Amino acid sequence: MSPSVFEVSVSADGMVEPGKGILAVFVPASDGSSPLVVAGCDPRHNPGKPIEGLAGPVFLHVRTALADPTGLRWVVVDNWGRFFEALPHWADCGQKAPVLEFKRFPGGVGIDAFSKEMGASGDAALELLSTIVEGGIPETVPVSARQFLETIELHGNLPAPGALFRVVQAAALTGDVTAATRGIQADPVISATLINYANAAAFIRAGKTASVSEAIQRLGLDQVRRVVFVAEMMAKYQKGACATFDYKAYWHNAVATGAAMRGLMESFEIPTRLADDGFTTGLVSGMGWLAIAETYPNLMSDYIKLSAGRNATSKAKLQREVFPASIAEVTATYLARFDFPETIRSAITGVPTRDGWAWFDCLASASRVAQSLAPLPFLAFPQNIPVPDRCQDEWRNWQSLLNS
């Protein structure tokens, strides 16, 4: 069975029909977790009663629609955001709504307790509910590029890093290495990412390190801030608002583009001392895709479906037809919000940089090489470009992180 969404209303006499007021989602069994139904009042449409008084008829409606799957567990989320498992007395109800008992989860009534108890099915149910609520307003896509960029910049769903980035950003402004180290050490995943980055080819002469503090010393706080930005974004956006957007493939392609940039810099006579900027440029060069996927998921979904099976030239033409602004423009607008250097944004948009290095040409080649290393199907690049040995070596440095 596939996940299902029920948007219903409940009349005064307990009749349930499609409408507004209650949201319920069904998620089938997954990774050892039970099949699950989660119901709550739709925050966009107040049904006038708490979910506890409406769940019985709603659960009967869902059970009938699903033909009574075995092992199903039932959960309600009240208006305070508390989670309770509902125990319906099906044997006593006949064709009427069951009487429900509500019990707390072993860990409490919070979202963590719910997720721990319900596992993968619970996480999938929450993701589905969030997508419905946050994406329920129809998209109105601005016609002009300027309006499109302004709307994305001001959109409430614009992807953003979390609290650790803000800690490191503040530390970078004051030069406080201790504060940055303390903040990063509290996050084992990002600590590992930073150490992996510091152990990349540019620092091979310094030997391997397992120390967050030493990694920061090697990279410098400005570069650490960029690494943390991307690491938090990678951790946070494994799933998102656009159901057809492959977030994992996107991040793999982003890392591959960064690795290819490092591998190609010498060919474009860009000094190796700028390797960090090169990697970061490649890594964030496609951030516009993520920004559109989160702010205009339906538009992104339409493009992905239309691009399927097309060649690179046809995809490039389709992008110009579907999106009011180019992906490069969206990326540059997005990165400006987070104080990425002008050099990086200029490299992405093709504006000549003051240093005179061929960043844009290098990025153009790296993007094509990355499509051979880690294909992202909807990109307008062929997938059979030869991969130079140096790019392969750089890409190999990131496999343990990407496969963890």
Protein backbone atom coordinates (compact mmCIF):
# COMPACT_ATOMS: atom_id res chain seq x y z
CA MET A 1 0.00 0.00 0.00
CA SER A 2 1.04 3.59 -0.61
CA PRO A 3 0.83 6.54 1.81
CA SER A 4 -2.57 8.23 1.78
CA VAL A 5 -3.86 11.63 2.83
CA PHE A 6 -7.36 12.31 4.13
CA GLU A 7 -8.65 15.88 4.33
CA VAL A 8 -12.10 15.64 5.88
CA SER A 9 -14.76 17.45 7.86
CA VAL A 10 -16.93 15.99 10.61
CA SER A 11 -20.55 17.09 10.92
CA ALA A 12 -22.40 17.55 14.20
CA ASP A 13 -23.91 14.04 13.90
CA GLY A 14 -20.51 12.44 13.29
CA MET A 15 -20.68 12.10 9.52
CA VAL A 16 -17.28 12.26 7.84
CA GLU A 17 -16.84 13.50 4.29
CA PRO A 18 -14.12 15.15 2.20
CA GLY A 19 -13.67 18.72 3.33
CA LYS A 20 -11.68 21.00 5.60
CA GLY A 21 -10.92 20.75 9.29
CA ILE A 22 -9.16 17.43 9.93
CA LEU A 23 -5.99 16.06 8.40
CA ALA A 24 -5.14 12.37 8.66
CA VAL A 25 -2.30 10.52 6.98
CA PHE A 26 -1.72 6.82 6.55
CA VAL A 27 1.82 5.49 6.22
CA PRO A 28 2.45 1.79 5.52
CA ALA A 29 4.90 -0.31 7.52
CA SER A 30 8.53 0.64 6.91
CA ASP A 31 11.91 -0.55 8.20
CA GLY A 32 10.35 -2.69 10.92
CA SER A 33 7.88 -0.05 12.11
CA SER A 34 4.11 -0.57 12.15
CA PRO A 35 1.63 0.91 9.67
CA LEU A 36 0.35 4.15 11.13
CA VAL A 37 -2.43 6.71 10.98
CA VAL A 38 -1.85 10.17 12.46
CA ALA A 39 -4.71 12.67 12.72
CA GLY A 40 -5.00 16.23 13.95
CA CYS A 41 -6.91 19.44 13.42
CA ASP A 42 -5.83 21.27 10.28
CA PRO A 43 -4.22 24.55 11.46
CA ARG A 44 -5.48 26.22 8.27
CA HIS A 45 -9.14 25.32 8.91
CA ASN A 46 -10.39 25.22 12.50
CA PRO A 47 -12.99 22.42 12.85
CA GLY A 48 -14.43 23.97 16.02
CA LYS A 49 -13.67 20.99 18.29
CA PRO A 50 -10.49 19.39 19.63
CA ILE A 51 -9.21 16.33 17.81
CA GLU A 52 -9.99 14.08 20.78
CA GLY A 53 -13.71 14.54 20.12
CA LEU A 54 -13.45 14.03 16.36
CA ALA A 55 -10.89 11.25 16.02
CA GLY A 56 -13.36 8.36 16.47
CA PRO A 57 -15.44 9.08 13.35
CA VAL A 58 -12.31 10.02 11.39
CA PHE A 59 -10.56 6.77 12.29
CA LEU A 60 -13.64 4.76 11.27
CA HIS A 61 -13.64 6.57 7.91
CA VAL A 62 -9.94 5.88 7.38
CA ARG A 63 -10.22 2.25 8.48
CA THR A 64 -13.04 1.66 6.01
CA ALA A 65 -11.12 3.34 3.19
CA LEU A 66 -8.04 1.23 3.91
CA ALA A 67 -10.03 -2.01 4.17
CA ASP A 68 -8.88 -2.56 7.76
CA PRO A 69 -5.13 -3.28 7.37
CA THR A 70 -3.71 -5.43 10.13
CA GLY A 71 -1.35 -4.11 12.77
CA LEU A 72 -2.41 -0.49 12.28
CA ARG A 73 -1.56 1.98 15.05
CA TRP A 74 -3.49 5.20 15.62
CA VAL A 75 -2.14 8.52 16.87
CA VAL A 76 -3.64 11.97 17.45
CA VAL A 77 -1.83 15.30 17.65
CA ASP A 78 -3.75 17.80 19.77
CA ASN A 79 -3.85 21.58 19.33
CA TRP A 80 -0.95 21.92 21.77
CA GLY A 81 1.28 19.74 19.63
CA ARG A 82 1.12 16.78 22.01
CA PHE A 83 1.12 13.23 20.68
CA PHE A 84 -1.06 10.45 22.10
CA GLU A 85 -1.61 6.91 20.93
CA ALA A 86 -5.30 6.18 20.44
CA LEU A 87 -6.67 2.73 21.28
CA PRO A 88 -9.98 2.21 19.42
CA HIS A 89 -12.49 -0.33 20.79
CA TRP A 90 -13.35 -1.77 17.40
CA ALA A 91 -15.00 -4.93 18.71
CA ASP A 92 -17.73 -2.96 20.48
CA CYS A 93 -18.58 -0.37 17.82
CA GLY A 94 -20.11 -2.25 14.90
CA GLN A 95 -20.59 0.34 12.13
CA LYS A 96 -20.37 3.27 14.55
CA ALA A 97 -17.38 5.33 15.53
CA PRO A 98 -15.30 3.52 18.16
CA VAL A 99 -14.75 4.70 21.69
CA LEU A 100 -11.12 5.75 22.04
CA GLU A 101 -8.69 5.53 24.90
CA PHE A 102 -5.67 7.83 24.78
CA LYS A 103 -2.33 6.97 26.30
CA ARG A 104 1.03 8.66 26.53
CA PHE A 105 4.08 7.23 24.82
CA PRO A 106 6.76 5.75 27.12
CA GLY A 107 8.95 8.81 26.58
CA GLY A 108 6.20 11.39 27.04
CA VAL A 109 3.92 13.32 24.70
CA GLY A 110 6.49 15.28 22.68
CA ILE A 111 7.60 14.79 19.10
CA ASP A 112 10.79 12.98 20.16
CA ALA A 113 8.80 10.42 22.15
CA PHE A 114 6.49 9.89 19.19
CA SER A 115 9.37 9.47 16.73
CA LYS A 116 11.21 7.06 19.01
CA GLU A 117 8.13 4.89 19.43
CA MET A 118 6.90 4.95 15.83
CA GLY A 119 10.24 4.92 14.01
CA ALA A 120 10.39 5.38 10.26
CA SER A 121 6.61 5.35 9.84
CA GLY A 122 6.27 8.16 12.35
CA ASP A 123 8.90 10.29 10.64
CA ALA A 124 7.26 9.72 7.27
CA ALA A 125 3.85 10.68 8.67
CA LEU A 126 5.20 13.94 10.11
CA GLU A 127 6.94 14.76 6.83
CA LEU A 128 3.72 14.16 4.92
CA LEU A 129 1.65 16.29 7.30
CA SER A 130 4.17 19.13 7.14
CA THR A 131 4.22 19.01 3.35
CA ILE A 132 0.43 19.25 3.20
CA VAL A 133 0.17 22.14 5.65
CA GLU A 134 3.12 24.14 4.34
CA GLY A 135 2.43 23.46 0.69
CA GLY A 136 -1.31 23.78 0.82
CA ILE A 137 -1.44 27.32 -0.57
CA PRO A 138 -1.45 27.27 -4.38
CA GLU A 139 1.71 28.60 -5.94
CA THR A 140 1.53 31.84 -7.87
CA VAL A 141 4.72 32.15 -9.89
CA PRO A 142 5.79 35.73 -10.70
CA VAL A 143 6.24 36.48 -14.38
CA SER A 144 9.35 38.67 -14.26
CA ALA A 145 12.81 37.52 -13.20
CA ARG A 146 13.06 40.37 -10.68
CA GLN A 147 9.77 39.46 -9.00
CA PHE A 148 10.70 35.79 -9.01
CA LEU A 149 14.03 36.46 -7.30
CA GLU A 150 12.47 38.84 -4.77
CA THR A 151 9.74 36.33 -3.94
CA ILE A 152 12.26 33.54 -3.38
CA GLU A 153 14.42 35.81 -1.21
CA LEU A 154 11.46 36.70 1.03
CA HIS A 155 9.79 33.29 1.05
CA GLY A 156 9.16 31.74 4.45
CA ASN A 157 10.27 28.29 3.25
CA LEU A 158 13.65 29.43 1.96
CA PRO A 159 16.25 26.81 2.98
CA ALA A 160 18.35 27.99 5.88
CA PRO A 161 21.01 26.46 8.11
CA GLY A 162 20.37 25.98 11.81
CA ALA A 163 21.63 27.21 15.16
CA LEU A 164 25.20 25.93 14.80
CA PHE A 165 25.78 28.08 11.72
CA ARG A 166 24.69 31.15 13.69
CA VAL A 167 27.13 30.23 16.49
CA VAL A 168 30.01 29.80 14.05
CA GLN A 169 29.05 32.93 12.13
CA ALA A 170 29.21 34.96 15.36
CA ALA A 171 32.54 33.35 16.25
CA ALA A 172 33.94 34.19 12.80
CA LEU A 173 32.98 37.84 13.23
CA THR A 174 34.86 38.07 16.55
CA GLY A 175 37.67 35.62 15.75
CA ASP A 176 36.64 33.37 18.66
CA VAL A 177 38.09 29.96 17.75
CA THR A 178 37.18 28.52 21.17
CA ALA A 179 33.49 29.32 20.76
CA ALA A 180 33.45 27.83 17.27
CA THR A 181 35.22 24.68 18.48
CA ARG A 182 32.83 24.26 21.39
CA GLY A 183 29.78 24.64 19.16
CA ILE A 184 31.01 22.26 16.46
CA GLN A 185 32.12 19.57 18.93
CA ALA A 186 28.53 19.29 20.15
CA ASP A 187 27.49 17.99 16.72
CA PRO A 188 29.30 14.73 15.85
CA VAL A 189 28.11 14.65 12.23
CA ILE A 190 29.30 18.15 11.42
CA SER A 191 32.50 17.57 13.42
CA ALA A 192 33.24 14.58 11.19
CA THR A 193 32.42 16.64 8.09
CA LEU A 194 34.79 19.42 9.13
CA ILE A 195 37.61 17.01 9.98
CA ASN A 196 37.10 15.21 6.68
CA TYR A 197 37.35 18.53 4.86
CA ALA A 198 40.53 19.46 6.75
CA ASN A 199 42.02 16.09 5.82
CA ALA A 200 41.41 16.64 2.10
CA ALA A 201 44.20 16.81 -0.43
CA ALA A 202 45.10 20.47 0.15
CA PHE A 203 46.29 19.62 3.68
CA ILE A 204 47.89 16.25 2.99
CA ARG A 205 51.36 17.49 3.95
CA ALA A 206 50.10 18.39 7.42
CA GLY A 207 49.00 14.80 7.99
CA LYS A 208 45.62 13.51 9.11
CA THR A 209 43.86 15.05 12.10
CA ALA A 210 40.98 13.92 14.29
CA SER A 211 40.77 17.22 16.17
CA VAL A 212 38.02 19.77 15.56
CA SER A 213 40.24 22.51 16.96
CA GLU A 214 43.10 21.63 14.60
CA ALA A 215 40.69 21.41 11.68
CA ILE A 216 39.53 24.95 12.44
CA GLN A 217 43.12 26.17 12.66
CA ARG A 218 43.91 24.65 9.27
CA LEU A 219 40.86 26.00 7.51
CA GLY A 220 40.37 29.37 9.19
CA LEU A 221 37.08 30.60 10.64
CA ASP A 222 35.72 32.04 7.39
CA GLN A 223 36.11 28.74 5.59
CA VAL A 224 34.80 26.83 8.62
CA ARG A 225 31.67 28.99 8.48
CA ARG A 226 31.10 27.94 4.88
CA VAL A 227 31.72 24.26 5.62
CA VAL A 228 29.29 24.35 8.56
CA PHE A 229 26.72 26.11 6.37
CA VAL A 230 26.77 23.33 3.81
CA ALA A 231 27.08 20.52 6.37
CA GLU A 232 24.01 21.75 8.25
CA MET A 233 22.12 22.14 5.00
CA MET A 234 23.05 18.60 3.94
CA ALA A 235 21.90 17.20 7.28
CA LYS A 236 18.72 19.25 7.34
CA TYR A 237 17.54 18.83 3.76
CA GLN A 238 17.58 15.09 3.17
CA LYS A 239 13.87 15.53 2.46
CA GLY A 240 11.87 18.61 1.73
CA ALA A 241 8.79 20.25 0.26
CA CYS A 242 9.13 18.83 -3.27
CA ALA A 243 8.25 15.14 -3.40
CA THR A 244 9.82 14.61 -6.84
CA PHE A 245 13.13 16.32 -5.98
CA ASP A 246 15.88 13.81 -5.15
CA TYR A 247 17.60 15.57 -2.25
CA LYS A 248 20.25 12.89 -1.78
CA ALA A 249 21.23 12.97 -5.45
CA TYR A 250 21.32 16.76 -5.31
CA TRP A 251 23.84 16.80 -2.42
CA HIS A 252 25.99 14.09 -4.03
CA ASN A 253 26.13 16.13 -7.22
CA ALA A 254 26.95 19.28 -5.23
CA VAL A 255 29.89 17.59 -3.49
CA ALA A 256 31.01 16.13 -6.82
CA THR A 257 30.99 19.63 -8.34
CA GLY A 258 33.12 20.93 -5.48
CA ALA A 259 35.53 18.03 -5.84
CA ALA A 260 35.76 18.56 -9.60
CA MET A 261 36.49 22.27 -9.05
CA ARG A 262 39.47 21.39 -6.87
CA GLY A 263 40.67 18.85 -9.39
CA LEU A 264 40.43 21.25 -12.34
CA MET A 265 41.82 24.46 -10.85
CA GLU A 266 45.38 23.88 -12.03
CA SER A 267 44.14 23.33 -15.58
CA PHE A 268 42.61 26.81 -15.48
CA GLU A 269 45.72 28.33 -13.86
CA ILE A 270 43.90 29.12 -10.61
CA PRO A 271 46.34 28.96 -7.66
CA THR A 272 45.98 25.93 -5.40
CA ARG A 273 46.01 28.27 -2.39
CA LEU A 274 42.44 29.08 -3.46
CA ALA A 275 41.38 25.42 -3.35
CA ASP A 276 38.92 26.02 -0.50
CA ASP A 277 37.17 28.78 -2.43
CA GLY A 278 37.10 26.51 -5.46
CA PHE A 279 35.50 23.64 -3.58
CA THR A 280 32.94 25.93 -1.94
CA THR A 281 32.08 27.53 -5.27
CA GLY A 282 31.32 24.15 -6.80
CA LEU A 283 29.48 22.93 -3.73
CA VAL A 284 27.01 25.83 -3.58
CA SER A 285 26.80 26.58 -7.30
CA GLY A 286 23.50 24.74 -7.67
CA MET A 287 21.87 25.99 -4.47
CA GLY A 288 19.22 27.69 -6.61
CA TRP A 289 17.75 24.26 -7.36
CA LEU A 290 17.24 23.64 -3.64
CA ALA A 291 15.81 27.13 -3.12
CA ILE A 292 13.21 26.65 -5.85
CA ALA A 293 12.37 23.12 -4.66
CA GLU A 294 11.56 24.48 -1.20
CA THR A 295 9.79 27.69 -2.23
CA TYR A 296 8.04 26.53 -5.40
CA PRO A 297 7.76 22.74 -5.07
CA ASN A 298 5.01 22.41 -7.68
CA LEU A 299 7.00 24.41 -10.23
CA MET A 300 10.07 22.28 -9.56
CA SER A 301 8.03 19.11 -9.82
CA ASP A 302 6.62 20.23 -13.17
CA TYR A 303 10.12 20.90 -14.50
CA ILE A 304 11.47 17.54 -13.30
CA LYS A 305 8.60 15.66 -14.95
CA LEU A 306 8.91 17.61 -18.21
CA SER A 307 12.70 17.17 -18.32
CA ALA A 308 12.58 13.37 -18.05
CA GLY A 309 14.06 11.71 -21.12
CA ARG A 310 15.23 14.94 -22.76
CA ASN A 311 18.76 15.62 -23.92
CA ALA A 312 20.96 18.32 -22.39
CA THR A 313 20.12 20.97 -25.00
CA SER A 314 16.40 20.38 -24.64
CA LYS A 315 16.65 20.60 -20.84
CA ALA A 316 18.49 23.92 -21.05
CA LYS A 317 15.72 25.29 -23.28
CA LEU A 318 13.07 23.93 -20.93
CA GLN A 319 14.68 25.68 -17.95
CA ARG A 320 14.38 29.02 -19.74
CA GLU A 321 10.73 28.30 -20.46
CA VAL A 322 9.75 27.12 -16.97
CA PHE A 323 11.74 29.36 -14.61
CA PRO A 324 11.42 33.18 -14.76
CA ALA A 325 15.09 33.52 -13.70
CA SER A 326 18.13 31.34 -14.28
CA ILE A 327 19.32 28.90 -11.64
CA ALA A 328 22.58 30.87 -11.42
CA GLU A 329 20.65 34.07 -10.62
CA VAL A 330 18.58 32.29 -7.98
CA THR A 331 21.75 30.82 -6.47
CA ALA A 332 23.54 34.17 -6.32
CA THR A 333 20.49 35.87 -4.77
CA TYR A 334 20.24 33.12 -2.18
CA LEU A 335 23.95 33.12 -1.26
CA ALA A 336 23.93 36.89 -0.77
CA ARG A 337 21.68 36.33 2.25
CA PHE A 338 24.42 34.35 3.99
CA ASP A 339 27.42 36.58 3.26
CA PHE A 340 29.19 34.30 0.80
CA PRO A 341 32.10 36.14 -0.83
CA GLU A 342 31.46 38.14 -3.97
CA THR A 343 34.11 35.99 -5.70
CA ILE A 344 31.98 32.89 -5.27
CA ARG A 345 28.78 34.58 -6.42
CA SER A 346 30.56 36.14 -9.40
CA ALA A 347 31.96 32.77 -10.42
CA ILE A 348 28.46 31.33 -10.43
CA THR A 349 26.86 34.13 -12.46
CA GLY A 350 29.77 34.63 -14.87
CA VAL A 351 30.57 38.19 -13.81
CA PRO A 352 34.33 38.80 -14.17
CA THR A 353 36.11 38.77 -10.82
CA ARG A 354 38.65 41.34 -9.70
CA ASP A 355 41.33 38.69 -9.24
CA GLY A 356 41.19 37.83 -12.93
CA TRP A 357 41.09 34.06 -12.42
CA ALA A 358 38.93 31.91 -14.73
CA TRP A 359 36.46 30.83 -12.04
CA PHE A 360 33.43 30.73 -14.31
CA ASP A 361 35.14 28.62 -16.97
CA CYS A 362 36.44 26.24 -14.31
CA LEU A 363 32.95 25.92 -12.81
CA ALA A 364 31.42 25.26 -16.22
CA SER A 365 33.80 22.33 -16.72
CA ALA A 366 33.42 21.09 -13.14
CA SER A 367 29.63 21.01 -13.47
CA ARG A 368 29.94 18.73 -16.49
CA VAL A 369 32.48 16.45 -14.83
CA ALA A 370 30.27 16.21 -11.73
CA GLN A 371 27.39 14.97 -13.87
CA SER A 372 29.57 11.96 -14.73
CA LEU A 373 30.63 11.43 -11.10
CA ALA A 374 27.19 11.81 -9.47
CA PRO A 375 24.41 12.35 -12.02
CA LEU A 376 21.44 14.57 -11.22
CA PRO A 377 19.02 13.61 -14.00
CA PHE A 378 17.30 16.96 -14.52
CA LEU A 379 20.51 18.97 -15.06
CA ALA A 380 21.25 20.16 -18.59
CA PHE A 381 24.60 18.37 -18.85
CA PRO A 382 25.54 15.08 -20.54
CA GLN A 383 26.50 12.20 -18.26
CA ASN A 384 29.39 10.80 -20.30
CA ILE A 385 32.07 13.50 -19.88
CA PRO A 386 35.53 11.97 -19.17
CA VAL A 387 36.62 12.47 -15.55
CA PRO A 388 40.24 13.59 -15.01
CA ASP A 389 42.25 11.58 -12.49
CA ARG A 390 42.60 14.55 -10.12
CA CYS A 391 38.82 14.95 -10.00
CA GLN A 392 38.44 11.24 -9.27
CA ASP A 393 40.95 11.55 -6.42
CA GLU A 394 39.15 14.56 -4.91
CA TRP A 395 35.79 12.81 -5.25
CA ARG A 396 37.18 9.72 -3.52
CA ASN A 397 37.99 11.82 -0.43
CA TRP A 398 34.28 12.32 0.21
CA GLN A 399 32.94 8.81 -0.23
CA SER A 400 33.07 7.84 3.45
CA LEU A 401 31.05 10.92 4.38
CA LEU A 402 28.47 10.55 1.61
CA ASN A 403 27.96 6.85 2.30
CA SER A 404 27.72 7.19 6.09
